[in-house]
Structures are given as C-alpha cells and as structure tokens.
Amino acid sequence: MLDPQLLRHDLEGAAAGLARRGYHLDMEHYASFETQRKKLQTELQQLQNQRNTQSKSIGQAKAQGEDIEPLKQQVAQIGEQMRSIQEQLDQVQQGLEDLMLDMPNIPADDVPDGRSEDDNSEVRRSGQPRELDFEPRDHVELGQALAGMDFERAAKLSGSRFTVLTGPLAQLQRALAQFMLQMHVEQHGYTEAYVPYLVSAAAMRGTGQLPKFEDDAFRIDDDPVRYLIPTAEVSLTNLVADDIIEAGHLPLKFVAHTPCFRREAGSYGKDTRGMIRQHQFDKVELVQISLPNEAEDCLEQLTAHAEAVLEALELPYRTMLLCAGDMGFSACKTYDLEVWLPGQQAYREISSCSHFGNFQARRMQARWRNPETGKPELVHTINGSGLAVGRTLVAVLENYQNQDGSVTIPEVLRPWMGGMDVLSPASSLS
C-alpha cells in the first residue's frame, strides 16, 4: 500500500508515478474522499472537546448542588452526534482504503518506462546456448519418451494444466529442489522454513494478492476462509507481520520449497502445452526483510543468488530489468531471469526478483526499531524465485538433451540422483 502522506501532500506526483504503470489515478475522486475525511475528523474533534468541557461542567455543577440533568442531556446529545459522525468517517476511511488497496506500487526512478515485455532492458547474459547438430525436442516430447511425464493421467485426475511425474523424472525434480535449498542455506546464508500452504485472507492481503487478484487464487470456503498459496512469498513475508524487529537482526533471509497454486485466470490460451504454466507447481522461494537503506543491495544480492543456481547448472540465461508497465502489482523494481529453452528457441522466465519498498510492510505493519529515534519504522521486503523447480526441470531436459532422446544429468545434481548420469528413453526417438 502506498504511503497516505505521499497521496495527501503530492497527489500529482503519485498520479504521475502510477501513470508510468498504466494506472489512472482519479485525483478528483481521491481528493473528495480526503476532503470529507478532514471535515469529519475536525467535526469529531470539536465535539470531543465540547463533550469534555460539558463533562467538567457536570462535576462542577454537582459539587455546587445544581441540577445536572440538562447538562447530562447535552452530553448525551453530543455523544449521539459523535457516533453518527464516526459512522460517516468509518465509511469514508473504508472508501479511501479500498482506493489505496487497488493502487499498485510506484516504480523506482531507475525502472525504464514501457508498457510490455518488449520494453524490458537486458542487463546481462550468461552462457551460450549449445549448438545442436540435430533438431531439438521440447520437454514434452522428451519427458514422454522418458516415460516419466504424463499429462493425460494428470488430466483424468485434475483437469488441464496439471502434470504427473514418475520414476527418474520425479527424482530429478526432487533433486533440483534439494540442490537449490542446500545452495541457498549453506552458501548464501538463508534460513530454511517449512510454512503453511493454506493462509488467511489477511496474509494474502499483506503481500498484495488480495483484493486485486482474488480471481487468480484458489479459495477454500471454510470458516475462516483460507487460500492455497500462489507462492511461498506469502507465508515467508508474513512471518514478520505485526512485528517490530531490532535493527541488528536485519536483514532476515528465508528460503522455502513449497508447491504453489494458481488459477492462471488471465492466461487463457497461453502455454497450454507442457509444464510452463500450471495450476500446481513447485518453487524454491527466497525472501529478505531489510533496512530501507540496504534494500537495493539486498535486491542485487538476492538476484545474484538466483543466478548462481542457473550458473551451477550451466544453463544459459539472461537478466532483464522490467519496465514500469510489466512489473508485478506490489513491486517497485524487478529483475526477471530468463533461461534458454532449445525446444522453443527462446528465453523464458524462470525467476522474478523484486524489491517492494515498504509497500507490503505497510499492509502487514512489519517494522524495525530505529535505534537513533527509538521509534518503529517500516521495513523493506525483497523476494524472488530461486528457482521455479518445474521450469528448471524443463530447462535441464531441453538443454541437456542428446540426439537419441536421452538426457545427461548435470554433474551438480548427480549426488541426489544415486550416481545416475543419464536418463535414457524407454524407446528410441526417430
């Protein structure tokens, strides 16, 4: 959520920042709410002062033996007026909150302008795609030939956009997750967490999934209502909700491997083939909670940690700085890591690493104590995939494929594969 003080004192500046994202802020509509809020708060304060004065008069009149009933009636009338105005004020404040919950974050100054992925900027590139002397197959053809990737059985179980992995392919997916976790814990200093996959509406609201993206979430209509997590970001970031953290304990660094669940409501017809866009998929998620003046460095660090996984797996990738119009709702700056997929002859997203400023922290009331003032201030939050496990499996299959349909297992994964160094097809591919 944006800082209300920014909107109150620089509404035009906030509107200009939001316009970079293609979001139109109706300044007159917002200003009318603010005018009502100020007017009602002033009236409420004046009535409060009147009631305090009258209450003192009751005590004085009582001490002098005077009739206090008229004064008590006046105080009661003031109380009724205050209740009425408070109800109006609550409605206005709810209207303001609804408006602000709909507003995305304002892009950082160094985020390029633009409206789509075509306007993103390439920051760096690592590795060269293999020059294959045969026509590359995509992960669907490879996985089915390896007799371990089954979309038809998954559809019988759950419908479209699900996958069943069995045998060595299921083991390879598990190996990838274990490899990523160990790297982030042992080399990068993250604390591993096992977190709930079902969360409250408040947790989803805290990281910006609600109310804007409720249509994309799987909702469990229980009592209370809960949601299947679309990413472990929700659970991990909300670990500090309503907390005040001592400055010396920051940054906090969490990592978790979880399934993720998304309706993909806005992706009808996109990536219908294979494992690229699923309703259920696994991710290893990285989250950092930082001091405001260290957040930019934390974003660069976290992005490098995600890149390190791709480098260890020797997968070609590029790092893209997203333009203002292509960023996620809550982010003020985002790097996307895109891995090369020979089967598509294209780079595809495998991780998004984002800095949210205090946008999420304000919703969650996640704070740190400034030792110079002794007062609590909002932390900054950063997160990213380190990596999306299913998409990494896709990348390994396609980049390590051989002409006969076999897939060489990257050396760093072999300790988790029982020493296996190649996946062989059940039958030869022609």
Protein backbone atom coordinates (compact mmCIF):
# COMPACT_ATOMS: atom_id res chain seq x y z
CA MET A 1 0.00 0.00 0.00
CA LEU A 2 1.25 3.48 -0.84
CA ASP A 3 2.09 5.97 1.88
CA PRO A 4 -1.06 8.03 2.62
CA GLN A 5 1.16 11.03 3.33
CA LEU A 6 2.51 10.86 -0.22
CA LEU A 7 -1.02 10.96 -1.60
CA ARG A 8 -2.06 13.77 0.73
CA HIS A 9 0.94 16.00 0.09
CA ASP A 10 1.96 15.12 -3.50
CA LEU A 11 -1.09 13.69 -5.22
CA GLU A 12 0.05 14.86 -8.66
CA GLY A 13 3.47 13.24 -8.19
CA ALA A 14 1.86 9.97 -7.09
CA ALA A 15 -0.51 10.06 -10.06
CA ALA A 16 2.43 10.61 -12.43
CA GLY A 17 4.29 7.65 -10.93
CA LEU A 18 1.25 5.41 -11.23
CA ALA A 19 0.69 6.57 -14.80
CA ARG A 20 4.08 5.07 -15.70
CA ARG A 21 2.46 1.72 -14.95
CA GLY A 22 -0.64 2.48 -16.98
CA TYR A 23 -2.72 3.07 -13.84
CA HIS A 24 -5.03 6.09 -13.91
CA LEU A 25 -5.49 7.70 -10.51
CA ASP A 26 -8.71 9.72 -10.40
CA MET A 27 -7.33 12.62 -8.40
CA GLU A 28 -10.68 14.38 -8.01
CA HIS A 29 -12.29 11.23 -6.65
CA TYR A 30 -9.45 10.68 -4.20
CA ALA A 31 -9.37 14.36 -3.18
CA SER A 32 -13.11 14.33 -2.47
CA PHE A 33 -12.62 11.46 -0.02
CA GLU A 34 -9.74 13.31 1.62
CA THR A 35 -11.82 16.47 1.95
CA GLN A 36 -14.63 14.52 3.60
CA ARG A 37 -12.16 12.78 5.91
CA LYS A 38 -10.63 16.05 7.11
CA LYS A 39 -14.04 17.70 7.58
CA LEU A 40 -15.44 14.78 9.59
CA GLN A 41 -12.31 14.41 11.70
CA THR A 42 -12.43 18.14 12.51
CA GLU A 43 -16.10 17.92 13.48
CA LEU A 44 -15.42 14.87 15.61
CA GLN A 45 -12.56 16.60 17.41
CA GLN A 46 -14.67 19.69 18.07
CA LEU A 47 -17.48 17.57 19.51
CA GLN A 48 -14.98 15.69 21.64
CA ASN A 49 -13.74 18.99 23.05
CA GLN A 50 -17.33 20.11 23.71
CA ARG A 51 -18.13 16.85 25.49
CA ASN A 52 -15.00 17.15 27.65
CA THR A 53 -15.97 20.71 28.60
CA GLN A 54 -19.54 19.73 29.40
CA SER A 55 -18.38 16.73 31.43
CA LYS A 56 -16.24 19.03 33.57
CA SER A 57 -19.25 21.34 33.98
CA ILE A 58 -21.32 18.42 35.28
CA GLY A 59 -18.79 17.78 38.01
CA GLN A 60 -18.67 21.45 38.99
CA ALA A 61 -22.48 21.80 38.98
CA LYS A 62 -22.86 18.65 41.03
CA ALA A 63 -20.38 19.94 43.60
CA GLN A 64 -22.42 23.14 43.92
CA GLY A 65 -25.71 21.24 44.26
CA GLU A 66 -27.09 22.42 40.93
CA ASP A 67 -29.44 20.45 38.68
CA ILE A 68 -27.16 18.47 36.32
CA GLU A 69 -29.86 16.80 34.18
CA PRO A 70 -29.80 19.48 31.44
CA LEU A 71 -26.01 19.14 31.24
CA LYS A 72 -26.23 15.33 31.10
CA GLN A 73 -28.75 15.58 28.27
CA GLN A 74 -26.40 17.88 26.36
CA VAL A 75 -23.53 15.42 26.83
CA ALA A 76 -25.77 12.58 25.64
CA GLN A 77 -26.77 14.58 22.56
CA ILE A 78 -23.13 15.29 21.79
CA GLY A 79 -22.41 11.57 22.15
CA GLU A 80 -25.13 10.76 19.61
CA GLN A 81 -23.70 13.31 17.19
CA MET A 82 -20.24 11.82 17.64
CA ARG A 83 -21.48 8.30 16.95
CA SER A 84 -23.19 9.50 13.76
CA ILE A 85 -20.10 11.33 12.54
CA GLN A 86 -17.87 8.38 13.45
CA GLU A 87 -20.04 6.10 11.29
CA GLN A 88 -19.69 8.54 8.40
CA LEU A 89 -15.94 8.78 8.99
CA ASP A 90 -15.62 4.99 9.03
CA GLN A 91 -17.36 4.81 5.66
CA VAL A 92 -15.10 7.48 4.18
CA GLN A 93 -11.97 5.80 5.54
CA GLN A 94 -13.13 2.46 4.14
CA GLY A 95 -13.60 4.13 0.77
CA LEU A 96 -10.09 5.54 0.97
CA GLU A 97 -8.67 2.14 1.93
CA ASP A 98 -10.49 0.46 -0.96
CA LEU A 99 -8.99 3.01 -3.34
CA MET A 100 -5.50 2.50 -1.95
CA LEU A 101 -5.74 -1.29 -2.00
CA ASP A 102 -6.40 -1.02 -5.72
CA MET A 103 -3.30 1.11 -6.38
CA PRO A 104 -0.09 -0.65 -7.45
CA ASN A 105 3.33 0.36 -6.21
CA ILE A 106 5.11 3.32 -7.79
CA PRO A 107 8.12 2.33 -9.94
CA ALA A 108 11.61 3.21 -8.73
CA ASP A 109 13.33 6.06 -10.57
CA ASP A 110 15.73 3.72 -12.39
CA VAL A 111 12.96 1.50 -13.78
CA PRO A 112 12.61 2.10 -17.52
CA ASP A 113 9.36 3.37 -19.00
CA GLY A 114 7.29 0.98 -21.09
CA ARG A 115 4.06 -0.98 -21.19
CA SER A 116 5.02 -4.58 -22.10
CA GLU A 117 7.83 -7.14 -22.07
CA ASP A 118 9.01 -5.65 -25.37
CA ASP A 119 10.18 -2.59 -23.40
CA ASN A 120 12.26 -4.51 -20.82
CA SER A 121 16.02 -3.95 -20.75
CA GLU A 122 18.63 -6.69 -20.87
CA VAL A 123 21.12 -6.16 -18.03
CA ARG A 124 23.46 -9.10 -18.65
CA ARG A 125 23.68 -12.52 -20.27
CA SER A 126 25.42 -15.66 -19.07
CA GLY A 127 26.36 -18.76 -21.04
CA GLN A 128 25.92 -19.61 -24.68
CA PRO A 129 23.17 -21.90 -25.96
CA ARG A 130 24.51 -25.24 -27.16
CA GLU A 131 24.87 -25.63 -30.89
CA LEU A 132 22.97 -28.87 -31.51
CA ASP A 133 23.57 -30.85 -34.68
CA PHE A 134 20.03 -32.20 -34.53
CA GLU A 135 16.54 -30.75 -34.30
CA PRO A 136 15.95 -30.03 -30.59
CA ARG A 137 12.90 -31.57 -28.96
CA ASP A 138 10.82 -29.77 -26.36
CA HIS A 139 10.39 -31.05 -22.81
CA VAL A 140 7.01 -32.64 -23.58
CA GLU A 141 8.41 -34.93 -26.25
CA LEU A 142 11.49 -35.69 -24.16
CA GLY A 143 9.55 -36.31 -20.96
CA GLN A 144 7.04 -38.62 -22.59
CA ALA A 145 9.81 -40.60 -24.30
CA LEU A 146 11.46 -40.98 -20.91
CA ALA A 147 8.16 -42.49 -19.74
CA GLY A 148 8.00 -40.16 -16.75
CA MET A 149 5.86 -37.18 -17.77
CA ASP A 150 2.15 -37.85 -18.16
CA PHE A 151 -0.36 -35.12 -18.95
CA GLU A 152 -3.24 -37.43 -19.83
CA ARG A 153 -3.32 -39.15 -16.44
CA ALA A 154 -2.99 -35.77 -14.75
CA ALA A 155 -5.99 -34.53 -16.75
CA LYS A 156 -8.03 -37.54 -15.61
CA LEU A 157 -7.15 -36.70 -12.02
CA SER A 158 -7.50 -32.93 -12.06
CA GLY A 159 -8.17 -31.47 -15.49
CA SER A 160 -5.89 -29.39 -17.68
CA ARG A 161 -2.66 -27.69 -16.57
CA PHE A 162 -1.50 -30.47 -14.29
CA THR A 163 1.34 -32.99 -14.68
CA VAL A 164 2.20 -36.39 -13.24
CA LEU A 165 5.94 -37.10 -12.96
CA THR A 166 7.14 -40.59 -12.17
CA GLY A 167 10.38 -42.50 -11.78
CA PRO A 168 13.65 -40.70 -12.61
CA LEU A 169 11.83 -37.50 -13.68
CA ALA A 170 10.12 -37.22 -10.31
CA GLN A 171 13.50 -37.90 -8.71
CA LEU A 172 15.13 -35.23 -10.89
CA GLN A 173 12.56 -32.63 -9.81
CA ARG A 174 13.20 -33.53 -6.16
CA ALA A 175 16.96 -33.37 -6.78
CA LEU A 176 16.63 -29.86 -8.19
CA ALA A 177 14.69 -28.63 -5.14
CA GLN A 178 17.17 -30.21 -2.72
CA PHE A 179 20.13 -28.78 -4.62
CA MET A 180 18.63 -25.29 -4.58
CA LEU A 181 17.80 -25.44 -0.88
CA GLN A 182 21.26 -26.62 0.08
CA MET A 183 22.92 -23.91 -2.01
CA HIS A 184 20.83 -21.12 -0.52
CA VAL A 185 21.23 -22.33 3.06
CA GLU A 186 24.91 -23.32 3.03
CA GLN A 187 26.36 -20.83 0.54
CA HIS A 188 24.00 -17.86 0.75
CA GLY A 189 23.04 -17.85 4.43
CA TYR A 190 19.26 -18.26 4.23
CA THR A 191 17.24 -19.86 7.00
CA GLU A 192 15.12 -22.72 5.67
CA ALA A 193 11.46 -22.62 6.66
CA TYR A 194 8.59 -25.06 6.37
CA VAL A 195 5.46 -22.95 6.07
CA PRO A 196 1.69 -23.45 5.72
CA TYR A 197 0.30 -23.90 2.22
CA LEU A 198 -3.07 -22.53 3.37
CA VAL A 199 -3.12 -18.92 4.54
CA SER A 200 -5.64 -16.36 5.74
CA ALA A 201 -7.09 -13.53 3.69
CA ALA A 202 -5.05 -11.12 5.86
CA ALA A 203 -1.81 -12.84 4.80
CA MET A 204 -2.79 -12.66 1.13
CA ARG A 205 -3.72 -9.02 1.55
CA GLY A 206 -0.40 -8.32 3.26
CA THR A 207 1.68 -9.26 0.23
CA GLY A 208 -0.70 -7.75 -2.33
CA GLN A 209 -2.51 -10.81 -3.72
CA LEU A 210 -5.83 -9.54 -2.33
CA PRO A 211 -8.10 -7.92 -3.16
CA LYS A 212 -6.72 -7.23 -6.64
CA PHE A 213 -6.01 -10.81 -7.73
CA GLU A 214 -8.60 -12.90 -5.93
CA ASP A 215 -9.75 -14.41 -9.24
CA ASP A 216 -6.31 -15.98 -9.66
CA ALA A 217 -6.31 -17.63 -6.22
CA PHE A 218 -7.71 -20.96 -5.10
CA ARG A 219 -10.04 -20.13 -2.24
CA ILE A 220 -11.16 -22.59 0.43
CA ASP A 221 -14.60 -21.54 1.68
CA ASP A 222 -14.08 -22.76 5.21
CA ASP A 223 -14.57 -20.88 8.47
CA PRO A 224 -12.42 -18.84 8.34
CA VAL A 225 -11.83 -18.54 4.59
CA ARG A 226 -8.35 -19.64 3.56
CA TYR A 227 -6.35 -19.59 0.33
CA LEU A 228 -3.86 -22.00 -1.20
CA ILE A 229 -0.60 -20.08 -1.53
CA PRO A 230 0.25 -18.84 -5.04
CA THR A 231 3.86 -18.58 -3.87
CA ALA A 232 5.77 -19.13 -0.62
CA GLU A 233 6.36 -15.36 -0.67
CA VAL A 234 3.00 -15.03 1.09
CA SER A 235 3.87 -17.29 4.01
CA LEU A 236 7.52 -16.25 4.34
CA THR A 237 6.98 -12.48 4.14
CA ASN A 238 4.08 -12.60 6.59
CA LEU A 239 6.36 -14.21 9.19
CA VAL A 240 7.19 -10.62 10.22
CA ALA A 241 3.65 -9.20 10.05
CA ASP A 242 2.84 -7.01 13.08
CA ASP A 243 6.43 -7.41 14.36
CA ILE A 244 8.95 -4.78 15.41
CA ILE A 245 12.44 -6.10 14.61
CA GLU A 246 15.63 -4.78 16.16
CA ALA A 247 17.91 -3.19 13.56
CA GLY A 248 20.80 -5.52 14.39
CA HIS A 249 18.76 -8.55 13.35
CA LEU A 250 18.27 -7.31 9.77
CA PRO A 251 18.37 -8.44 7.08
CA LEU A 252 16.35 -11.58 7.72
CA LYS A 253 16.77 -14.18 4.97
CA PHE A 254 14.28 -17.03 4.49
CA VAL A 255 14.04 -19.83 1.94
CA ALA A 256 11.30 -22.42 1.47
CA HIS A 257 10.42 -25.14 -1.00
CA THR A 258 6.65 -25.35 -1.48
CA PRO A 259 4.02 -26.21 -4.04
CA CYS A 260 2.28 -23.16 -5.48
CA PHE A 261 -1.30 -22.95 -6.70
CA ARG A 262 -2.65 -20.51 -9.29
CA ARG A 263 -5.82 -20.41 -11.34
CA GLU A 264 -3.95 -18.63 -14.16
CA ALA A 265 -7.21 -16.77 -14.71
CA GLY A 266 -5.66 -14.23 -17.07
CA SER A 267 -3.66 -16.70 -19.17
CA TYR A 268 -6.37 -18.41 -21.22
CA GLY A 269 -4.75 -19.97 -24.28
CA LYS A 270 -1.17 -19.22 -23.16
CA ASP A 271 1.41 -22.00 -22.75
CA THR A 272 -1.18 -24.76 -22.94
CA ARG A 273 1.49 -27.30 -23.93
CA GLY A 274 3.66 -28.83 -21.25
CA MET A 275 4.79 -27.65 -17.84
CA ILE A 276 5.46 -23.95 -18.40
CA ARG A 277 2.17 -22.67 -16.96
CA GLN A 278 0.48 -24.98 -14.45
CA HIS A 279 -2.18 -24.70 -11.77
CA GLN A 280 0.19 -26.53 -9.37
CA PHE A 281 3.96 -26.20 -9.49
CA ASP A 282 6.94 -26.17 -7.11
CA LYS A 283 9.21 -23.27 -6.28
CA VAL A 284 12.13 -22.57 -4.04
CA GLU A 285 11.39 -19.06 -2.80
CA LEU A 286 13.83 -16.50 -1.39
CA VAL A 287 12.69 -13.66 0.88
CA GLN A 288 14.71 -10.92 2.55
CA ILE A 289 13.45 -8.41 5.12
CA SER A 290 15.78 -5.43 5.19
CA LEU A 291 16.52 -1.95 6.43
CA PRO A 292 15.33 0.67 3.92
CA ASN A 293 18.84 1.92 3.14
CA GLU A 294 20.08 -1.62 2.44
CA ALA A 295 17.16 -2.84 0.32
CA GLU A 296 18.67 -2.06 -3.08
CA ASP A 297 21.81 -4.01 -2.19
CA CYS A 298 19.62 -6.86 -0.91
CA LEU A 299 17.78 -6.98 -4.25
CA GLU A 300 21.07 -7.23 -6.13
CA GLN A 301 22.28 -9.90 -3.72
CA LEU A 302 19.10 -11.98 -3.91
CA THR A 303 19.12 -11.77 -7.72
CA ALA A 304 22.73 -13.00 -7.74
CA HIS A 305 21.70 -15.91 -5.50
CA ALA A 306 19.05 -16.98 -8.01
CA GLU A 307 21.52 -16.55 -10.87
CA ALA A 308 24.01 -18.76 -9.02
CA VAL A 309 21.65 -21.73 -9.38
CA LEU A 310 21.50 -21.29 -13.15
CA GLU A 311 25.27 -20.91 -13.32
CA ALA A 312 25.86 -24.05 -11.26
CA LEU A 313 23.53 -25.95 -13.59
CA GLU A 314 25.33 -24.37 -16.57
CA LEU A 315 22.07 -23.17 -18.09
CA PRO A 316 22.26 -20.15 -20.44
CA TYR A 317 20.20 -17.24 -19.20
CA ARG A 318 19.75 -13.50 -19.38
CA THR A 319 18.81 -10.97 -16.71
CA MET A 320 16.13 -8.44 -17.64
CA LEU A 321 15.19 -5.21 -15.86
CA LEU A 322 11.43 -4.95 -16.22
CA CYS A 323 9.83 -1.77 -17.46
CA ALA A 324 7.24 0.06 -15.37
CA GLY A 325 4.28 -1.46 -17.20
CA ASP A 326 5.46 -5.08 -16.97
CA MET A 327 6.16 -5.28 -13.22
CA GLY A 328 4.05 -7.12 -10.70
CA PHE A 329 1.45 -5.17 -8.73
CA SER A 330 3.44 -4.78 -5.49
CA ALA A 331 6.95 -4.30 -6.92
CA CYS A 332 8.83 -1.05 -7.36
CA LYS A 333 11.72 -2.76 -9.21
CA THR A 334 12.04 -6.24 -10.72
CA TYR A 335 14.67 -8.35 -12.43
CA ASP A 336 13.45 -11.34 -14.42
CA LEU A 337 15.81 -14.23 -15.08
CA GLU A 338 15.05 -15.88 -18.41
CA VAL A 339 16.52 -19.29 -19.24
CA TRP A 340 17.22 -20.52 -22.76
CA LEU A 341 14.88 -23.29 -23.95
CA PRO A 342 16.12 -25.00 -27.14
CA GLY A 343 12.70 -26.60 -27.72
CA GLN A 344 11.15 -23.14 -28.04
CA GLN A 345 14.25 -21.38 -29.38
CA ALA A 346 13.52 -18.64 -26.87
CA TYR A 347 14.39 -17.30 -23.44
CA ARG A 348 11.60 -17.89 -20.90
CA GLU A 349 11.14 -16.54 -17.38
CA ILE A 350 12.36 -18.82 -14.61
CA SER A 351 12.57 -16.30 -11.76
CA SER A 352 11.33 -12.83 -10.82
CA CYS A 353 13.34 -10.97 -8.18
CA SER A 354 11.61 -7.89 -6.82
CA HIS A 355 12.04 -5.04 -4.36
CA PHE A 356 8.73 -3.88 -2.87
CA GLY A 357 9.93 -0.91 -0.83
CA ASN A 358 7.61 -0.57 2.19
CA PHE A 359 4.51 -1.35 0.08
CA GLN A 360 3.96 -4.81 1.60
CA ALA A 361 5.29 -3.81 5.01
CA ARG A 362 2.67 -1.07 5.35
CA ARG A 363 -0.08 -3.61 4.70
CA MET A 364 1.45 -6.07 7.18
CA GLN A 365 2.65 -3.48 9.71
CA ALA A 366 6.10 -5.08 9.59
CA ARG A 367 8.54 -2.68 11.27
CA TRP A 368 12.06 -2.24 12.61
CA ARG A 369 13.11 -0.08 15.55
CA ASN A 370 15.33 2.82 14.56
CA PRO A 371 18.00 2.97 17.30
CA GLU A 372 18.56 6.70 16.66
CA THR A 373 14.96 7.63 17.43
CA GLY A 374 13.76 4.57 19.32
CA LYS A 375 10.67 4.61 17.07
CA PRO A 376 9.38 1.84 14.81
CA GLU A 377 9.60 2.34 11.04
CA LEU A 378 8.51 0.16 8.12
CA VAL A 379 10.94 -2.46 6.83
CA HIS A 380 11.51 -3.14 3.13
CA THR A 381 10.76 -6.53 1.58
CA ILE A 382 12.51 -8.35 -1.27
CA ASN A 383 11.80 -11.73 -2.81
CA GLY A 384 12.43 -13.94 -5.79
CA SER A 385 12.30 -17.50 -7.04
CA GLY A 386 15.48 -19.38 -6.52
CA LEU A 387 14.21 -21.09 -8.74
CA ALA A 388 10.87 -22.26 -10.12
CA VAL A 389 11.53 -26.01 -9.90
CA GLY A 390 9.29 -27.20 -12.73
CA ARG A 391 10.65 -24.67 -15.19
CA THR A 392 14.19 -25.60 -14.15
CA LEU A 393 13.34 -29.24 -14.87
CA VAL A 394 12.12 -28.14 -18.31
CA ALA A 395 15.36 -26.23 -18.89
CA VAL A 396 17.55 -29.16 -17.83
CA LEU A 397 15.69 -31.59 -20.09
CA GLU A 398 15.90 -29.33 -23.13
CA ASN A 399 19.46 -28.05 -22.65
CA TYR A 400 20.98 -31.43 -21.73
CA GLN A 401 19.18 -33.49 -24.38
CA ASN A 402 21.05 -35.78 -26.73
CA GLN A 403 20.25 -36.88 -30.27
CA ASP A 404 18.97 -40.30 -29.16
CA GLY A 405 16.45 -38.71 -26.80
CA SER A 406 18.49 -39.32 -23.66
CA VAL A 407 19.19 -36.50 -21.21
CA THR A 408 22.52 -36.03 -19.49
CA ILE A 409 22.17 -35.19 -15.80
CA PRO A 410 24.13 -32.07 -14.75
CA GLU A 411 27.07 -33.02 -12.56
CA VAL A 412 25.92 -30.96 -9.57
CA LEU A 413 22.66 -32.94 -9.41
CA ARG A 414 24.17 -36.43 -9.54
CA PRO A 415 24.63 -36.77 -5.75
CA TRP A 416 20.82 -36.56 -5.45
CA MET A 417 20.28 -38.99 -8.33
CA GLY A 418 22.01 -42.00 -6.81
CA GLY A 419 25.00 -41.52 -9.09
CA MET A 420 22.86 -41.68 -12.25
CA ASP A 421 24.45 -39.66 -15.03
CA VAL A 422 21.94 -40.05 -17.86
CA LEU A 423 18.22 -40.55 -18.33
CA SER A 424 17.54 -42.97 -21.16
CA PRO A 425 14.36 -43.06 -23.24
CA ALA A 426 12.04 -46.04 -22.95
CA SER A 427 12.26 -46.41 -26.72
CA SER A 428 14.34 -44.69 -29.37
CA LEU A 429 13.08 -41.44 -30.84
CA SER A 430 13.03 -41.02 -34.57
